[in-house]
């Protein structure tokens, strides 16, 4: 007996008619029969109608199960791609954060370097002002150049 037919015959209404009666099943025709067809025509019509409907519904259920299995497989692939994309995004975000930190670091260095250059320029201006007030032809001495270099390196003290 097929699994499908076994499920069908376990249904309460079908079980009440088939068991204890002379109903049989013809495998090659895939249909029920009763030797006294005339006296059992209502039960025969009910069982055959139910059997045809049951097979039809089971075919629909099997089709839906197959479609569900395909959807689940497709979802697995989509979840895998989403997880992969998430990993890529996480890595990119991490790299972006590192790059921002580097930019901030170098911007800080640029600000510091600008301060050093400003300090050097202030020193040069102050040296020229003091030279102009003391001499008619101003010049910078070697010792003053050393102070300017230190200012540009950020080593000059105010």
Protein backbone atom coordinates (compact mmCIF):
# COMPACT_ATOMS: atom_id res chain seq x y z
CA UNK A 1 0.00 0.00 0.00
CA UNK A 2 1.33 3.43 -0.93
CA UNK A 3 1.96 6.01 1.77
CA UNK A 4 -0.58 8.32 0.14
CA UNK A 5 -3.31 5.66 0.18
CA UNK A 6 -2.45 4.73 3.75
CA UNK A 7 -2.92 8.39 4.84
CA UNK A 8 -6.20 8.51 2.96
CA UNK A 9 -7.56 5.34 4.55
CA UNK A 10 -6.65 6.63 8.02
CA UNK A 11 -9.08 9.56 7.64
CA UNK A 12 -12.02 8.92 10.05
CA UNK A 13 -14.82 9.15 7.43
CA UNK A 14 -12.95 6.87 5.02
CA UNK A 15 -11.92 4.43 7.73
CA UNK A 16 -15.56 4.10 8.84
CA UNK A 17 -16.64 3.06 5.35
CA UNK A 18 -13.71 0.88 4.23
CA UNK A 19 -12.82 -1.18 7.29
CA UNK A 20 -15.15 -4.07 7.92
CA UNK A 21 -16.54 -3.87 4.40
CA UNK A 22 -15.72 -5.56 1.12
CA UNK A 23 -14.18 -2.44 -0.44
CA UNK A 24 -10.91 -3.16 -2.19
CA UNK A 25 -8.38 -1.22 -4.20
CA UNK A 26 -7.26 -1.87 -7.78
CA UNK A 27 -3.60 -0.75 -7.98
CA UNK A 28 -3.44 -0.77 -11.78
CA UNK A 29 -6.54 1.47 -12.09
CA UNK A 30 -5.74 3.45 -8.94
CA UNK A 31 -9.34 3.21 -7.73
CA UNK A 32 -11.54 1.60 -5.13
CA UNK A 33 -14.16 -1.06 -5.93
CA UNK A 34 -16.85 -3.05 -4.18
CA UNK A 35 -18.12 -6.45 -5.39
CA UNK A 36 -21.73 -5.37 -4.71
CA UNK A 37 -21.39 -2.09 -6.57
CA UNK A 38 -25.13 -1.54 -6.91
CA UNK A 39 -26.01 -1.66 -3.20
CA UNK A 40 -22.93 0.36 -2.16
CA UNK A 41 -22.99 2.99 -4.92
CA UNK A 42 -23.30 5.96 -2.51
CA UNK A 43 -20.33 4.84 -0.41
CA UNK A 44 -18.42 4.03 -3.61
CA UNK A 45 -19.16 7.49 -5.06
CA UNK A 46 -18.18 9.13 -1.76
CA UNK A 47 -14.91 7.18 -1.48
CA UNK A 48 -13.92 7.71 -5.12
CA UNK A 49 -14.75 11.42 -4.94
CA UNK A 50 -12.80 11.75 -1.72
CA UNK A 51 -9.90 9.73 -3.16
CA UNK A 52 -9.67 11.93 -6.27
CA UNK A 53 -9.88 15.12 -4.18
CA UNK A 54 -7.30 13.79 -1.70
CA UNK A 55 -4.82 12.96 -4.50
CA UNK A 56 -5.36 16.35 -6.10
CA UNK A 57 -4.83 18.18 -2.81
CA UNK A 58 -1.80 16.07 -2.02
CA UNK A 59 -0.30 16.95 -5.41
CA UNK A 60 -0.81 20.64 -4.59
CA UNK A 61 0.77 20.14 -1.16
CA UNK A 62 3.75 18.36 -2.73
CA UNK A 63 4.14 21.19 -5.25
CA UNK A 64 4.02 23.79 -2.46
CA UNK A 65 6.56 21.82 -0.43
CA UNK A 66 8.88 21.73 -3.44
CA UNK A 67 8.47 25.49 -3.92
CA UNK A 68 9.08 26.04 -0.21
CA UNK A 69 12.27 23.98 -0.40
CA UNK A 70 13.45 26.08 -3.36
CA UNK A 71 12.63 29.28 -1.47
CA UNK A 72 14.56 28.05 1.55
CA UNK A 73 17.58 27.27 -0.62
CA UNK A 74 17.33 30.67 -2.24
CA UNK A 75 17.05 32.29 1.20
CA UNK A 76 20.18 30.46 2.34
CA UNK A 77 22.03 31.95 -0.60
CA UNK A 78 20.64 35.39 0.12
CA UNK A 79 21.52 35.15 3.81
CA UNK A 80 25.01 34.05 2.85
CA UNK A 81 25.38 37.03 0.51
CA UNK A 82 24.00 39.41 3.15
CA UNK A 83 26.45 38.03 5.71
CA UNK A 84 29.29 38.38 3.22
CA UNK A 85 28.25 41.96 2.44
CA UNK A 86 28.02 42.68 6.18
CA UNK A 87 31.57 41.41 6.64
CA UNK A 88 32.77 43.60 3.78
CA UNK A 89 30.94 46.62 5.21
CA UNK A 90 32.41 45.98 8.66
CA UNK A 91 35.91 45.78 7.17
CA UNK A 92 35.34 48.95 5.14
CA UNK A 93 33.99 50.78 8.19
CA UNK A 94 37.03 49.68 10.19
CA UNK A 95 39.35 50.86 7.40
CA UNK A 96 37.47 54.16 7.16
CA UNK A 97 37.86 54.70 10.90
CA UNK A 98 41.60 54.01 10.63
CA UNK A 99 41.90 56.44 7.72
CA UNK A 100 40.02 59.13 9.64
CA UNK A 101 42.33 58.63 12.59
CA UNK A 102 45.34 58.95 10.29
CA UNK A 103 43.90 62.11 8.72
CA UNK A 104 43.29 63.59 12.16
CA UNK A 105 46.84 62.68 13.17
CA UNK A 106 48.33 64.32 10.07
CA UNK A 107 46.05 67.34 10.40
CA UNK A 108 47.35 67.72 13.95
CA UNK A 109 50.90 67.52 12.62
CA UNK A 110 50.06 70.14 9.96
CA UNK A 111 48.62 72.46 12.61
CA UNK A 112 51.73 71.94 14.73
CA UNK A 113 53.98 72.55 11.70
CA UNK A 114 52.05 75.73 10.86
CA UNK A 115 52.56 76.91 14.43
CA UNK A 116 56.29 76.26 14.07
CA UNK A 117 56.43 78.18 10.79
CA UNK A 118 54.45 81.07 12.35
CA UNK A 119 56.86 81.06 15.30
CA UNK A 120 59.81 81.17 12.90
CA UNK A 121 58.26 84.03 10.95
CA UNK A 122 57.61 85.96 14.17
CA UNK A 123 61.24 85.48 15.16
CA UNK A 124 62.46 86.64 11.74
CA UNK A 125 60.23 89.73 11.93
CA UNK A 126 61.38 90.53 15.44
CA UNK A 127 65.04 90.12 14.43
CA UNK A 128 64.57 92.40 11.43
CA UNK A 129 62.76 94.99 13.54
CA UNK A 130 65.57 95.01 16.09
CA UNK A 131 68.15 95.18 13.30
CA UNK A 132 66.35 98.06 11.55
CA UNK A 133 66.18 100.04 14.76
CA UNK A 134 69.91 99.49 15.47
CA UNK A 135 71.55 99.64 12.01
CA UNK A 136 71.14 101.35 8.73
CA UNK A 137 71.81 98.12 6.77
CA UNK A 138 70.18 95.20 8.64
CA UNK A 139 71.58 91.69 8.42
CA UNK A 140 71.00 88.39 10.20
CA UNK A 141 73.89 86.72 12.04
CA UNK A 142 74.67 82.99 12.01
CA UNK A 143 73.50 82.68 15.63
CA UNK A 144 70.16 84.19 14.65
CA UNK A 145 69.78 81.71 11.77
CA UNK A 146 70.24 78.91 14.28
CA UNK A 147 67.40 80.39 16.39
CA UNK A 148 65.18 80.57 13.30
CA UNK A 149 65.94 76.91 12.47
CA UNK A 150 65.04 75.88 16.02
CA UNK A 151 61.77 77.85 15.77
CA UNK A 152 60.90 76.07 12.53
CA UNK A 153 61.60 72.71 14.16
CA UNK A 154 59.41 73.67 17.11
CA UNK A 155 62.33 73.90 19.52
CA UNK A 156 62.21 77.68 20.02
CA UNK A 157 61.08 79.02 23.39
CA UNK A 158 59.18 82.28 23.62
